[in-house]
């Protein structure tokens, strides 16, 4: 999405560092939400929560993960629409 919307300043920092950091991800999400709506930030928060507490900290069970799945699926479908030109 950052490439699609031309967030060159963010992409340049990512390329210089050789990887994404939470800082760049957060900046990209905030800008993407200006194009697609506030729901993008909410889904990012859900996904980040899953990543930290489900993956890194291993504190979530399958019920916790499944409860967030519909929001994550929506984000993937909406991204596909934008990137494939259906939006």
N, C-alpha and C. Protein backbone atom coordinates (compact mmCIF):
# COMPACT_ATOMS: atom_id res chain seq x y z
N UNK A 1 0.83 -1.17 0.00
CA UNK A 1 0.00 0.00 0.00
C UNK A 1 0.88 1.25 0.00
N UNK A 2 2.00 1.20 0.71
CA UNK A 2 2.89 2.36 0.73
C UNK A 2 3.44 2.64 -0.67
N UNK A 3 3.73 1.60 -1.41
CA UNK A 3 4.19 1.77 -2.79
C UNK A 3 3.04 2.29 -3.64
N UNK A 4 1.88 1.69 -3.51
CA UNK A 4 0.70 2.08 -4.30
C UNK A 4 0.39 3.57 -4.13
N UNK A 5 0.43 4.05 -2.89
CA UNK A 5 0.10 5.44 -2.62
C UNK A 5 1.31 6.38 -2.71
N UNK A 6 2.47 5.84 -3.00
CA UNK A 6 3.65 6.66 -3.23
C UNK A 6 4.21 7.35 -1.99
N UNK A 7 4.30 6.62 -0.91
CA UNK A 7 4.86 7.17 0.33
C UNK A 7 6.38 7.08 0.27
N UNK A 8 6.97 7.83 -0.65
CA UNK A 8 8.40 7.71 -0.92
C UNK A 8 9.27 8.03 0.28
N UNK A 9 8.88 8.99 1.11
CA UNK A 9 9.70 9.31 2.27
C UNK A 9 9.80 8.12 3.22
N UNK A 10 8.68 7.44 3.43
CA UNK A 10 8.68 6.26 4.28
C UNK A 10 9.47 5.13 3.63
N UNK A 11 9.23 4.90 2.36
CA UNK A 11 9.91 3.83 1.65
C UNK A 11 11.42 4.05 1.59
N UNK A 12 11.84 5.30 1.47
CA UNK A 12 13.28 5.60 1.48
C UNK A 12 13.91 5.23 2.82
N UNK A 13 13.24 5.55 3.92
CA UNK A 13 13.76 5.19 5.24
C UNK A 13 13.84 3.67 5.40
N UNK A 14 12.81 2.98 4.91
CA UNK A 14 12.80 1.52 4.97
C UNK A 14 13.97 0.96 4.15
N UNK A 15 14.15 1.48 2.96
CA UNK A 15 15.24 1.00 2.11
C UNK A 15 16.61 1.28 2.70
N UNK A 16 16.78 2.45 3.31
CA UNK A 16 18.05 2.78 3.94
C UNK A 16 18.36 1.84 5.10
N UNK A 17 17.35 1.51 5.88
CA UNK A 17 17.53 0.64 7.04
C UNK A 17 17.57 -0.83 6.62
N UNK A 18 16.92 -1.14 5.51
CA UNK A 18 16.86 -2.51 5.05
C UNK A 18 15.72 -3.32 5.64
N UNK A 19 14.84 -2.67 6.38
CA UNK A 19 13.69 -3.34 6.97
C UNK A 19 12.68 -2.31 7.47
N UNK A 20 11.48 -2.78 7.66
CA UNK A 20 10.43 -1.96 8.25
C UNK A 20 10.57 -1.96 9.77
N UNK A 21 10.27 -0.83 10.39
CA UNK A 21 10.15 -0.77 11.84
C UNK A 21 8.71 -0.39 12.17
N UNK A 22 8.34 -0.52 13.42
CA UNK A 22 7.00 -0.14 13.84
C UNK A 22 6.75 1.33 13.53
N UNK A 23 7.78 2.15 13.61
CA UNK A 23 7.63 3.58 13.31
C UNK A 23 7.15 3.80 11.89
N UNK A 24 7.82 3.17 10.93
CA UNK A 24 7.41 3.33 9.53
C UNK A 24 6.05 2.70 9.27
N UNK A 25 5.81 1.53 9.86
CA UNK A 25 4.50 0.90 9.70
C UNK A 25 3.39 1.81 10.21
N UNK A 26 3.60 2.39 11.37
CA UNK A 26 2.60 3.28 11.96
C UNK A 26 2.35 4.49 11.07
N UNK A 27 3.41 5.10 10.57
CA UNK A 27 3.26 6.27 9.68
C UNK A 27 2.50 5.89 8.41
N UNK A 28 2.82 4.73 7.84
CA UNK A 28 2.13 4.28 6.63
C UNK A 28 0.65 4.02 6.92
N UNK A 29 0.36 3.39 8.03
CA UNK A 29 -1.04 3.10 8.39
C UNK A 29 -1.83 4.38 8.54
N UNK A 30 -1.26 5.37 9.21
CA UNK A 30 -1.97 6.64 9.39
C UNK A 30 -2.27 7.30 8.05
N UNK A 31 -1.33 7.23 7.13
CA UNK A 31 -1.57 7.83 5.80
C UNK A 31 -2.58 7.01 4.99
N UNK A 32 -2.47 5.70 5.07
CA UNK A 32 -3.42 4.86 4.35
C UNK A 32 -4.83 5.11 4.86
N UNK A 33 -4.96 5.32 6.16
CA UNK A 33 -6.30 5.56 6.72
C UNK A 33 -6.90 6.86 6.19
N UNK A 34 -6.08 7.80 5.78
CA UNK A 34 -6.60 9.03 5.17
C UNK A 34 -7.23 8.74 3.81
N UNK A 35 -6.75 7.69 3.15
CA UNK A 35 -7.31 7.29 1.85
C UNK A 35 -8.52 6.38 2.00
N UNK A 36 -8.46 5.47 2.97
CA UNK A 36 -9.47 4.41 3.05
C UNK A 36 -10.41 4.52 4.25
N UNK A 37 -10.06 5.30 5.24
CA UNK A 37 -10.93 5.46 6.40
C UNK A 37 -10.27 5.00 7.70
N UNK A 38 -10.91 5.41 8.80
CA UNK A 38 -10.37 5.12 10.13
C UNK A 38 -10.33 3.65 10.47
N UNK A 39 -11.13 2.84 9.78
CA UNK A 39 -11.12 1.41 10.07
C UNK A 39 -9.72 0.81 9.86
N UNK A 40 -8.91 1.42 8.99
CA UNK A 40 -7.56 0.91 8.73
C UNK A 40 -6.73 0.96 10.01
N UNK A 41 -6.83 2.07 10.74
CA UNK A 41 -6.09 2.17 12.00
C UNK A 41 -6.57 1.13 13.00
N UNK A 42 -7.87 0.92 13.04
CA UNK A 42 -8.41 -0.07 13.99
C UNK A 42 -7.92 -1.47 13.66
N UNK A 43 -7.89 -1.81 12.38
CA UNK A 43 -7.40 -3.13 11.98
C UNK A 43 -5.91 -3.26 12.24
N UNK A 44 -5.16 -2.19 12.00
CA UNK A 44 -3.73 -2.22 12.31
C UNK A 44 -3.53 -2.49 13.79
N UNK A 45 -4.31 -1.83 14.63
CA UNK A 45 -4.20 -2.07 16.07
C UNK A 45 -4.48 -3.53 16.41
N UNK A 46 -5.50 -4.11 15.78
CA UNK A 46 -5.82 -5.53 16.00
C UNK A 46 -4.66 -6.42 15.55
N UNK A 47 -4.14 -6.16 14.37
CA UNK A 47 -3.06 -6.98 13.83
C UNK A 47 -1.79 -6.85 14.68
N UNK A 48 -1.48 -5.64 15.09
CA UNK A 48 -0.30 -5.42 15.92
C UNK A 48 -0.47 -6.11 17.27
N UNK A 49 -1.65 -6.03 17.84
CA UNK A 49 -1.94 -6.72 19.10
C UNK A 49 -1.72 -8.23 18.95
N UNK A 50 -2.26 -8.79 17.86
CA UNK A 50 -2.06 -10.21 17.61
C UNK A 50 -0.58 -10.56 17.49
N UNK A 51 0.15 -9.71 16.79
CA UNK A 51 1.58 -9.97 16.58
C UNK A 51 2.34 -9.96 17.91
N UNK A 52 2.11 -8.93 18.69
CA UNK A 52 2.86 -8.81 19.95
C UNK A 52 2.41 -9.85 20.96
N UNK A 53 1.09 -9.89 21.26
CA UNK A 53 0.61 -10.73 22.34
C UNK A 53 0.37 -12.18 21.92
N UNK A 54 0.14 -12.41 20.65
CA UNK A 54 -0.06 -13.77 20.17
C UNK A 54 1.23 -14.45 19.76
N UNK A 55 2.08 -13.71 19.06
CA UNK A 55 3.32 -14.29 18.54
C UNK A 55 4.48 -14.10 19.53
N UNK A 56 4.85 -12.86 19.79
CA UNK A 56 6.02 -12.62 20.65
C UNK A 56 5.82 -13.09 22.08
N UNK A 57 4.70 -12.73 22.67
CA UNK A 57 4.47 -13.04 24.08
C UNK A 57 3.74 -14.37 24.30
N UNK A 58 3.14 -14.91 23.26
CA UNK A 58 2.42 -16.19 23.32
C UNK A 58 1.40 -16.22 24.45
N UNK A 59 0.63 -15.15 24.56
CA UNK A 59 -0.36 -15.03 25.63
C UNK A 59 -1.80 -15.22 25.14
N UNK A 60 -2.01 -15.34 23.84
CA UNK A 60 -3.35 -15.49 23.29
C UNK A 60 -3.63 -16.93 22.91
N UNK A 61 -4.85 -17.36 23.15
CA UNK A 61 -5.24 -18.69 22.69
C UNK A 61 -6.00 -18.56 21.37
N UNK A 62 -6.43 -19.69 20.83
CA UNK A 62 -7.07 -19.68 19.52
C UNK A 62 -8.36 -18.88 19.52
N UNK A 63 -9.09 -18.87 20.62
CA UNK A 63 -10.32 -18.08 20.69
C UNK A 63 -10.02 -16.59 20.55
N UNK A 64 -8.96 -16.13 21.19
CA UNK A 64 -8.56 -14.73 21.10
C UNK A 64 -8.19 -14.36 19.66
N UNK A 65 -7.49 -15.24 19.00
CA UNK A 65 -7.08 -15.00 17.62
C UNK A 65 -8.30 -15.02 16.70
N UNK A 66 -9.14 -16.02 16.84
CA UNK A 66 -10.31 -16.15 15.97
C UNK A 66 -11.26 -14.96 16.10
N UNK A 67 -11.34 -14.37 17.27
CA UNK A 67 -12.22 -13.22 17.47
C UNK A 67 -11.79 -12.03 16.63
N UNK A 68 -10.52 -11.96 16.28
CA UNK A 68 -9.98 -10.85 15.51
C UNK A 68 -9.90 -11.17 14.01
N UNK A 69 -10.11 -12.40 13.65
CA UNK A 69 -9.96 -12.83 12.26
C UNK A 69 -10.84 -12.06 11.27
N UNK A 70 -12.12 -11.80 11.54
CA UNK A 70 -12.92 -11.07 10.55
C UNK A 70 -12.35 -9.70 10.19
N UNK A 71 -11.82 -8.99 11.16
CA UNK A 71 -11.23 -7.67 10.87
C UNK A 71 -9.99 -7.80 9.99
N UNK A 72 -9.17 -8.79 10.27
CA UNK A 72 -7.96 -9.01 9.49
C UNK A 72 -8.32 -9.43 8.07
N UNK A 73 -9.30 -10.30 7.93
CA UNK A 73 -9.75 -10.72 6.60
C UNK A 73 -10.27 -9.53 5.80
N UNK A 74 -11.00 -8.63 6.46
CA UNK A 74 -11.50 -7.44 5.77
C UNK A 74 -10.34 -6.61 5.25
N UNK A 75 -9.33 -6.44 6.07
CA UNK A 75 -8.17 -5.64 5.65
C UNK A 75 -7.51 -6.24 4.42
N UNK A 76 -7.36 -7.55 4.40
CA UNK A 76 -6.75 -8.21 3.24
C UNK A 76 -7.60 -8.02 2.00
N UNK A 77 -8.91 -8.19 2.12
CA UNK A 77 -9.81 -8.03 0.97
C UNK A 77 -9.81 -6.59 0.46
N UNK A 78 -9.83 -5.64 1.37
CA UNK A 78 -9.81 -4.22 0.96
C UNK A 78 -8.49 -3.87 0.29
N UNK A 79 -7.39 -4.40 0.81
CA UNK A 79 -6.08 -4.15 0.19
C UNK A 79 -6.04 -4.73 -1.23
N UNK A 80 -6.59 -5.92 -1.39
CA UNK A 80 -6.65 -6.53 -2.72
C UNK A 80 -7.43 -5.65 -3.68
N UNK A 81 -8.56 -5.11 -3.23
CA UNK A 81 -9.36 -4.23 -4.09
C UNK A 81 -8.56 -3.02 -4.55
N UNK A 82 -7.86 -2.40 -3.61
CA UNK A 82 -7.08 -1.22 -3.94
C UNK A 82 -5.94 -1.57 -4.89
N UNK A 83 -5.20 -2.59 -4.55
CA UNK A 83 -4.01 -2.93 -5.32
C UNK A 83 -4.32 -3.53 -6.68
N UNK A 84 -5.47 -4.17 -6.80
CA UNK A 84 -5.85 -4.75 -8.08
C UNK A 84 -6.77 -3.85 -8.89
N UNK A 85 -7.01 -2.65 -8.37
CA UNK A 85 -7.77 -1.65 -9.13
C UNK A 85 -9.26 -1.75 -9.05
N UNK A 86 -9.79 -2.46 -8.08
CA UNK A 86 -11.25 -2.59 -7.96
C UNK A 86 -11.85 -1.50 -7.07
N UNK A 87 -11.03 -0.60 -6.56
CA UNK A 87 -11.53 0.43 -5.65
C UNK A 87 -11.61 1.76 -6.35
